[in-house]
Amino acid sequence: MNDLTTDELGVLVSVFERAGIAEDGSVEGTLFKLVKSTHSERLELESMDFDDCAGGACKL
């Protein structure tokens, strides 16, 4: 399965918001919650600064 990009997830969040979908127990609400959570996690991951070898302690 192909993962959605961060931009694609952002578009989906926007579509759900414009459609007025509530994050409730409905199928739509559950999917909205999942998409929103995945988008947030992806944004956080992309903003992290990875230092693979701090102080020369590792070798790739």
Protein backbone atom coordinates (compact mmCIF):
# COMPACT_ATOMS: atom_id res chain seq x y z
CA MET A 1 0.00 0.00 0.00
CA ASN A 2 1.21 3.49 -0.80
CA ASP A 3 1.37 5.89 2.12
CA LEU A 4 -0.16 9.32 1.68
CA THR A 5 2.20 12.29 1.71
CA THR A 6 2.01 14.96 4.38
CA ASP A 7 0.46 17.35 1.87
CA GLU A 8 -2.17 14.77 0.87
CA LEU A 9 -3.05 14.16 4.52
CA GLY A 10 -3.37 17.92 5.00
CA VAL A 11 -5.79 18.12 2.08
CA LEU A 12 -7.88 15.32 3.58
CA VAL A 13 -8.02 17.09 6.95
CA SER A 14 -9.17 20.23 5.15
CA VAL A 15 -11.86 18.33 3.23
CA PHE A 16 -13.19 16.73 6.41
CA GLU A 17 -13.27 20.12 8.14
CA ARG A 18 -15.11 21.80 5.25
CA ALA A 19 -17.60 18.94 5.18
CA GLY A 20 -18.34 19.58 8.86
CA ILE A 21 -17.44 16.05 9.96
CA ALA A 22 -17.29 15.71 13.73
CA GLU A 23 -14.69 13.51 15.42
CA ASP A 24 -17.29 11.21 16.89
CA GLY A 25 -18.04 7.48 16.85
CA SER A 26 -19.38 7.50 13.29
CA VAL A 27 -17.38 5.88 10.52
CA GLU A 28 -16.63 9.30 9.05
CA GLY A 29 -15.69 10.76 12.43
CA THR A 30 -13.39 7.85 13.21
CA LEU A 31 -11.67 8.18 9.84
CA PHE A 32 -11.32 11.96 10.36
CA LYS A 33 -9.71 11.37 13.75
CA LEU A 34 -7.28 8.84 12.22
CA VAL A 35 -6.33 11.12 9.31
CA LYS A 36 -5.88 14.11 11.63
CA SER A 37 -3.71 12.09 14.02
CA THR A 38 -1.60 10.66 11.21
CA HIS A 39 -1.12 14.14 9.72
CA SER A 40 -0.07 15.57 13.07
CA GLU A 41 2.40 12.74 13.69
CA ARG A 42 3.85 13.11 10.19
CA LEU A 43 4.32 16.86 10.66
CA GLU A 44 6.07 16.26 13.98
CA LEU A 45 8.33 13.62 12.47
CA GLU A 46 9.26 15.84 9.53
CA SER A 47 10.11 18.74 11.85
CA MET A 48 12.54 16.70 13.94
CA ASP A 49 16.24 17.31 13.49
CA PHE A 50 17.98 13.97 13.40
CA ASP A 51 21.62 13.90 14.35
CA ASP A 52 22.63 10.38 13.43
CA CYS A 53 26.10 10.54 14.91
CA ALA A 54 26.18 12.99 17.78
CA GLY A 55 29.77 13.34 18.89
CA GLY A 56 30.93 10.65 16.44
CA ALA A 57 29.44 7.90 18.59
CA CYS A 58 28.05 5.83 15.73
CA LYS A 59 29.10 4.56 12.36
CA LEU A 60 26.68 3.92 9.55
